[in-house]
Amino acid sequence: MTSMEKRLHKELQLLTKEPPKGVKVDADSVHKNITEWIVDLEGAEESLYKDEKFQLMFKFSQRYPFDSPQVMFIGNNIPLHPHVYSNGHICLSILTDDWSPALSVTSVCLSIVSMLSSCTEKKRPPDNAIYVRTCSKNPKKTRWYYHDDDV
């Protein structure tokens, strides 16, 4: 078993035994392929996304945890959010530039729930139409510009 597989099994065990509120890993998806996980996410109670359910797809390279996973929303309910494109790509710095091997699937999920919870208006990013038409299928190939950096 590779170090990547050991790490993923350890994270899976922890996420299955002690999942954060509103986060649940789809065990069937993981058992088919340890490098592709589907995680069910619920909107936080005190947020615009209360009672909404979402799915995240995590794809792990052989370099995980030194290389961040590819993470995107999938399914019929992609959240309307200024940092979430209609194709499911997520503009979140910890998924690219600010990734650290100390982060985990759990911490990524909690960061995404937090990002959704801080939203004050449900809307797509201003460049959604152009981005979705021209982007790579892999969001990690995008050179993100974090609009919040301007503030």
Protein backbone atom coordinates (compact mmCIF):
# COMPACT_ATOMS: atom_id res chain seq x y z
CA MET A 1 0.00 0.00 0.00
CA THR A 2 1.42 3.39 -0.99
CA SER A 3 1.74 6.30 1.45
CA MET A 4 -1.07 8.07 -0.44
CA GLU A 5 -3.37 5.05 0.02
CA LYS A 6 -2.47 4.79 3.72
CA ARG A 7 -3.27 8.46 4.23
CA LEU A 8 -6.59 8.17 2.38
CA HIS A 9 -7.63 5.07 4.36
CA LYS A 10 -6.81 6.88 7.60
CA GLU A 11 -8.80 9.96 6.56
CA LEU A 12 -11.70 7.79 5.40
CA GLN A 13 -11.79 5.95 8.71
CA LEU A 14 -11.85 9.21 10.67
CA LEU A 15 -14.46 10.82 8.41
CA THR A 16 -16.68 7.75 8.65
CA LYS A 17 -16.40 7.43 12.45
CA GLU A 18 -16.50 11.13 13.37
CA PRO A 19 -17.99 13.13 10.51
CA PRO A 20 -18.46 16.87 11.01
CA LYS A 21 -22.09 17.99 11.07
CA GLY A 22 -23.51 18.04 7.55
CA VAL A 23 -20.63 16.04 6.00
CA LYS A 24 -20.95 12.39 4.97
CA VAL A 25 -18.69 10.36 2.72
CA ASP A 26 -20.36 8.05 0.20
CA ALA A 27 -18.67 4.80 1.23
CA ASP A 28 -19.76 2.99 -1.94
CA SER A 29 -17.90 5.48 -4.14
CA VAL A 30 -14.71 5.10 -2.10
CA HIS A 31 -14.80 1.31 -2.08
CA LYS A 32 -14.93 1.32 -5.89
CA ASN A 33 -11.90 3.61 -6.16
CA ILE A 34 -9.87 4.96 -3.22
CA THR A 35 -8.69 7.91 -5.36
CA GLU A 36 -12.20 9.23 -6.11
CA TRP A 37 -14.58 10.12 -3.31
CA ILE A 38 -18.09 11.53 -3.33
CA VAL A 39 -18.92 13.52 -0.23
CA ASP A 40 -22.45 14.63 0.67
CA LEU A 41 -22.64 18.11 2.12
CA GLU A 42 -25.54 19.91 3.80
CA GLY A 43 -25.93 23.66 4.04
CA ALA A 44 -25.33 24.99 7.55
CA GLU A 45 -28.33 25.84 9.75
CA GLU A 46 -27.81 29.60 9.92
CA SER A 47 -26.98 30.09 6.23
CA LEU A 48 -28.64 30.84 2.93
CA TYR A 49 -28.12 27.14 2.11
CA LYS A 50 -30.01 25.71 5.10
CA ASP A 51 -31.79 22.45 4.17
CA GLU A 52 -29.93 22.23 0.84
CA LYS A 53 -27.89 19.16 -0.07
CA PHE A 54 -24.83 19.13 -2.30
CA GLN A 55 -22.25 16.63 -3.51
CA LEU A 56 -18.51 17.10 -3.83
CA MET A 57 -16.19 14.98 -5.94
CA PHE A 58 -12.65 14.58 -4.61
CA LYS A 59 -9.98 13.18 -6.94
CA PHE A 60 -6.58 12.39 -5.47
CA SER A 61 -3.31 12.11 -7.36
CA GLN A 62 -0.50 9.75 -6.40
CA ARG A 63 1.22 12.78 -4.83
CA TYR A 64 -1.50 13.37 -2.23
CA PRO A 65 -1.17 14.86 0.42
CA PHE A 66 1.68 16.88 -1.03
CA ASP A 67 -0.51 17.75 -4.01
CA SER A 68 -4.01 19.08 -3.34
CA PRO A 69 -7.00 16.99 -4.41
CA GLN A 70 -9.17 18.07 -7.31
CA VAL A 71 -12.45 19.13 -5.67
CA MET A 72 -15.67 20.21 -7.35
CA PHE A 73 -19.40 20.20 -6.87
CA ILE A 74 -21.26 17.57 -8.88
CA GLY A 75 -24.87 16.60 -9.43
CA ASN A 76 -28.03 18.55 -9.98
CA ASN A 77 -27.60 21.06 -7.17
CA ILE A 78 -24.52 23.22 -7.72
CA PRO A 79 -24.78 26.03 -5.15
CA LEU A 80 -25.35 29.57 -6.36
CA HIS A 81 -22.34 31.29 -4.81
CA PRO A 82 -19.89 34.01 -5.92
CA HIS A 83 -17.00 31.48 -5.74
CA VAL A 84 -18.76 28.49 -7.31
CA TYR A 85 -19.10 28.22 -11.07
CA SER A 86 -22.10 26.57 -12.69
CA ASN A 87 -19.88 23.64 -13.79
CA GLY A 88 -19.03 22.91 -10.13
CA HIS A 89 -15.55 24.45 -10.04
CA ILE A 90 -14.74 26.15 -6.73
CA CYS A 91 -12.52 29.20 -6.39
CA LEU A 92 -11.01 28.55 -2.96
CA SER A 93 -7.34 29.20 -2.23
CA ILE A 94 -6.75 26.08 -0.10
CA LEU A 95 -7.54 23.97 -3.17
CA THR A 96 -4.56 25.44 -5.02
CA ASP A 97 -2.06 28.09 -3.84
CA ASP A 98 -2.68 27.74 -0.11
CA TRP A 99 -2.79 23.93 0.00
CA SER A 100 -0.78 22.26 2.75
CA PRO A 101 -0.22 18.54 3.41
CA ALA A 102 -1.57 19.25 6.91
CA LEU A 103 -5.02 19.78 5.37
CA SER A 104 -7.43 16.88 4.87
CA VAL A 105 -10.73 15.97 3.25
CA THR A 106 -12.44 16.97 6.48
CA SER A 107 -10.75 20.38 6.62
CA VAL A 108 -11.56 21.02 2.94
CA CYS A 109 -15.22 20.14 3.54
CA LEU A 110 -15.37 22.40 6.58
CA SER A 111 -13.77 25.24 4.59
CA ILE A 112 -16.37 24.82 1.85
CA VAL A 113 -19.23 24.78 4.39
CA SER A 114 -17.73 27.92 5.94
CA MET A 115 -17.44 29.58 2.51
CA LEU A 116 -21.09 28.81 1.81
CA SER A 117 -22.14 29.97 5.28
CA SER A 118 -20.50 33.37 4.87
CA CYS A 119 -22.41 34.07 1.64
CA THR A 120 -24.81 37.02 1.80
CA GLU A 121 -26.27 36.73 -1.69
CA LYS A 122 -26.85 33.68 -3.88
CA LYS A 123 -25.29 34.49 -7.25
CA ARG A 124 -22.73 33.14 -9.72
CA PRO A 125 -19.28 34.66 -10.20
CA PRO A 126 -19.41 37.61 -12.63
CA ASP A 127 -17.26 35.74 -15.20
CA ASN A 128 -19.24 32.46 -14.96
CA ALA A 129 -20.40 32.30 -18.61
CA ILE A 130 -16.94 32.93 -20.08
CA TYR A 131 -15.14 30.70 -17.57
CA VAL A 132 -17.46 27.70 -18.05
CA ARG A 133 -17.16 27.97 -21.83
CA THR A 134 -13.35 28.18 -21.87
CA CYS A 135 -12.02 26.34 -18.79
CA SER A 136 -10.33 22.97 -18.47
CA LYS A 137 -12.40 20.12 -17.06
CA ASN A 138 -9.86 19.97 -14.23
CA PRO A 139 -10.24 23.04 -11.97
CA LYS A 140 -6.65 22.59 -10.76
CA LYS A 141 -5.48 23.71 -14.21
CA THR A 142 -7.10 27.10 -13.67
CA ARG A 143 -4.93 30.00 -12.60
CA TRP A 144 -7.37 31.48 -10.11
CA TYR A 145 -7.51 35.16 -9.34
CA TYR A 146 -8.94 35.63 -5.86
CA HIS A 147 -11.22 38.67 -6.04
CA ASP A 148 -11.15 38.94 -2.27
CA ASP A 149 -7.45 39.79 -2.57
CA ASP A 150 -8.49 43.24 -3.85
CA VAL A 151 -10.11 44.15 -0.55
